[in-house]
Amino acid sequence: MLTKIREAFPDADCLVVDDDSPDGTAEISRRYAEESGAGESILVKVRKDERGLGGAIRAAMQTAIDGQYDLFCNMDADLSHDPADLPRLVSTCLKQNADVVVGSRYIEGGAIVGWPWRRKVMSGLINGFTRKLLRLPVRDASGSYRCY
């Protein structure tokens, strides 16, 4: 993932938020930063007492605020979001002077790759519920590939 992000956006700073997972994510990310020469442009934050995507995104946003970044992008690390689309997300945000740009799987050109049918059904239900209950005119309120 980090390699693909750096290929798509070489000047980007990357933050890896890890929930102290046993798979070695934090150490692998640190080693990649050192071996690739990316150094301080890759920051690894380990949350020992917290779990979950929402909390990880909040922690990353706070890090971006504290670092006074103008833009913040978030994405899942399972390669369900193509890092090659990052420049387009950022460019759209800047050109449109948008507060948020969503890389959606539910628009023309979007796709769902590798999801089991249960996850597709759950996503459809969540987004349908969100549209009806909150009356949001969006098709993908649950997507986490965004530029703020």
Protein backbone atom coordinates (compact mmCIF):
# COMPACT_ATOMS: atom_id res chain seq x y z
CA MET A 1 0.00 0.00 0.00
CA LEU A 2 2.72 2.49 0.94
CA THR A 3 4.63 1.74 -2.25
CA LYS A 4 1.51 2.38 -4.34
CA ILE A 5 0.72 5.62 -2.49
CA ARG A 6 4.28 6.87 -2.95
CA GLU A 7 4.15 5.99 -6.66
CA ALA A 8 0.89 7.89 -7.12
CA PHE A 9 1.76 10.82 -4.88
CA PRO A 10 5.54 10.94 -4.20
CA ASP A 11 5.41 14.13 -2.13
CA ALA A 12 2.60 13.01 0.18
CA ASP A 13 3.13 12.41 3.84
CA CYS A 14 1.61 9.11 4.95
CA LEU A 15 0.22 8.23 8.33
CA VAL A 16 -0.36 4.60 9.23
CA VAL A 17 -2.74 4.16 12.16
CA ASP A 18 -2.46 0.68 13.62
CA ASP A 19 -4.64 -0.73 16.40
CA ASP A 20 -1.66 -2.68 17.78
CA SER A 21 -2.51 -5.52 15.44
CA PRO A 22 -0.53 -8.75 15.74
CA ASP A 23 0.15 -8.82 11.98
CA GLY A 24 3.16 -6.51 12.28
CA THR A 25 1.63 -3.56 10.41
CA ALA A 26 3.44 -0.94 12.48
CA GLU A 27 6.86 -2.58 12.22
CA ILE A 28 6.47 -3.33 8.50
CA SER A 29 5.50 0.32 7.90
CA ARG A 30 8.45 1.63 9.91
CA ARG A 31 10.84 -0.69 8.10
CA TYR A 32 9.42 0.40 4.73
CA ALA A 33 9.92 4.07 5.66
CA GLU A 34 13.53 3.42 6.56
CA GLU A 35 14.41 1.14 3.65
CA SER A 36 12.63 3.21 0.99
CA GLY A 37 14.25 6.45 2.08
CA ALA A 38 10.83 7.96 2.82
CA GLY A 39 11.96 8.66 6.38
CA GLU A 40 9.85 11.21 8.20
CA SER A 41 7.25 11.40 5.42
CA ILE A 42 5.81 8.14 6.80
CA LEU A 43 4.54 8.34 10.36
CA VAL A 44 3.29 5.28 12.21
CA LYS A 45 0.85 5.72 15.08
CA VAL A 46 -0.04 2.72 17.24
CA ARG A 47 -3.22 2.83 19.30
CA LYS A 48 -2.90 0.26 22.08
CA ASP A 49 -6.23 0.71 23.87
CA GLU A 50 -8.53 1.50 20.96
CA ARG A 51 -9.98 -0.42 18.04
CA GLY A 52 -11.99 0.37 14.96
CA LEU A 53 -11.98 2.38 11.77
CA GLY A 54 -13.89 5.37 13.13
CA GLY A 55 -11.47 5.93 15.98
CA ALA A 56 -8.50 5.41 13.66
CA ILE A 57 -9.82 8.08 11.28
CA ARG A 58 -10.39 10.49 14.19
CA ALA A 59 -6.83 9.88 15.41
CA ALA A 60 -5.47 10.48 11.90
CA MET A 61 -7.54 13.65 11.49
CA GLN A 62 -6.26 14.98 14.81
CA THR A 63 -2.70 14.26 13.69
CA ALA A 64 -3.37 16.20 10.45
CA ILE A 65 -4.89 19.11 12.39
CA ASP A 66 -1.96 19.17 14.82
CA GLY A 67 0.43 19.10 11.85
CA GLN A 68 -1.48 21.96 10.19
CA TYR A 69 -2.06 20.09 6.95
CA ASP A 70 -4.26 21.81 4.37
CA LEU A 71 -5.63 18.53 3.02
CA PHE A 72 -6.28 15.14 4.57
CA CYS A 73 -7.04 11.95 2.64
CA ASN A 74 -8.10 8.69 4.19
CA MET A 75 -8.39 5.24 2.72
CA ASP A 76 -8.62 1.61 3.75
CA ALA A 77 -5.32 -0.24 3.65
CA ASP A 78 -6.72 -3.42 2.11
CA LEU A 79 -6.21 -2.10 -1.45
CA SER A 80 -9.99 -1.83 -1.95
CA HIS A 81 -9.19 1.83 -2.72
CA ASP A 82 -6.76 2.41 -5.56
CA PRO A 83 -3.94 4.73 -4.47
CA ALA A 84 -3.55 5.76 -8.12
CA ASP A 85 -6.76 7.78 -7.67
CA LEU A 86 -5.28 9.96 -4.89
CA PRO A 87 -4.05 12.72 -7.25
CA ARG A 88 -7.52 12.92 -8.79
CA LEU A 89 -9.17 13.17 -5.35
CA VAL A 90 -6.79 15.95 -4.27
CA SER A 91 -7.01 17.77 -7.60
CA THR A 92 -10.82 17.71 -7.51
CA CYS A 93 -10.82 19.01 -3.95
CA LEU A 94 -8.54 21.91 -4.89
CA LYS A 95 -10.19 22.78 -8.23
CA GLN A 96 -13.72 22.67 -6.84
CA ASN A 97 -12.71 24.29 -3.52
CA ALA A 98 -14.64 21.42 -1.96
CA ASP A 99 -14.81 20.60 1.72
CA VAL A 100 -14.98 16.86 1.01
CA VAL A 101 -14.41 14.73 -2.08
CA VAL A 102 -15.50 11.09 -1.92
CA GLY A 103 -13.99 8.35 -4.06
CA SER A 104 -17.18 6.34 -4.40
CA ARG A 105 -17.74 2.81 -5.57
CA TYR A 106 -21.38 3.65 -6.39
CA ILE A 107 -20.91 6.08 -9.27
CA GLU A 108 -20.11 5.63 -12.93
CA GLY A 109 -16.59 4.24 -13.11
CA GLY A 110 -16.71 3.06 -9.48
CA ALA A 111 -16.54 -0.62 -8.65
CA ILE A 112 -16.55 -3.12 -5.82
CA VAL A 113 -13.72 -5.60 -6.16
CA GLY A 114 -13.27 -8.69 -4.03
CA TRP A 115 -16.13 -8.18 -1.60
CA PRO A 116 -18.18 -11.18 -0.45
CA TRP A 117 -21.92 -10.87 -1.09
CA ARG A 118 -22.62 -10.22 2.62
CA ARG A 119 -20.45 -7.12 2.63
CA LYS A 120 -22.14 -5.86 -0.55
CA VAL A 121 -25.59 -6.37 0.99
CA MET A 122 -24.53 -4.67 4.23
CA SER A 123 -23.12 -1.69 2.35
CA GLY A 124 -26.30 -1.38 0.30
CA LEU A 125 -28.47 -1.49 3.41
CA ILE A 126 -26.33 1.04 5.29
CA ASN A 127 -26.36 3.48 2.39
CA GLY A 128 -30.07 3.05 1.73
CA PHE A 129 -30.84 3.58 5.41
CA THR A 130 -28.62 6.68 5.49
CA ARG A 131 -30.31 8.19 2.41
CA LYS A 132 -33.79 7.64 3.80
CA LEU A 133 -33.26 8.39 7.49
CA LEU A 134 -30.87 11.33 7.16
CA ARG A 135 -32.21 12.43 3.77
CA LEU A 136 -28.70 12.78 2.42
CA PRO A 137 -28.56 13.04 -1.36
CA VAL A 138 -25.50 10.78 -1.58
CA ARG A 139 -25.07 7.22 -2.74
CA ASP A 140 -22.01 6.30 -0.69
CA ALA A 141 -22.13 7.62 2.86
CA SER A 142 -20.18 4.61 4.13
CA GLY A 143 -17.16 4.90 1.85
CA SER A 144 -13.89 5.82 3.49
CA TYR A 145 -11.85 6.97 0.50
CA ARG A 146 -12.05 10.71 0.96
CA CYS A 147 -10.16 13.96 0.73
CA TYR A 148 -11.00 16.68 3.25
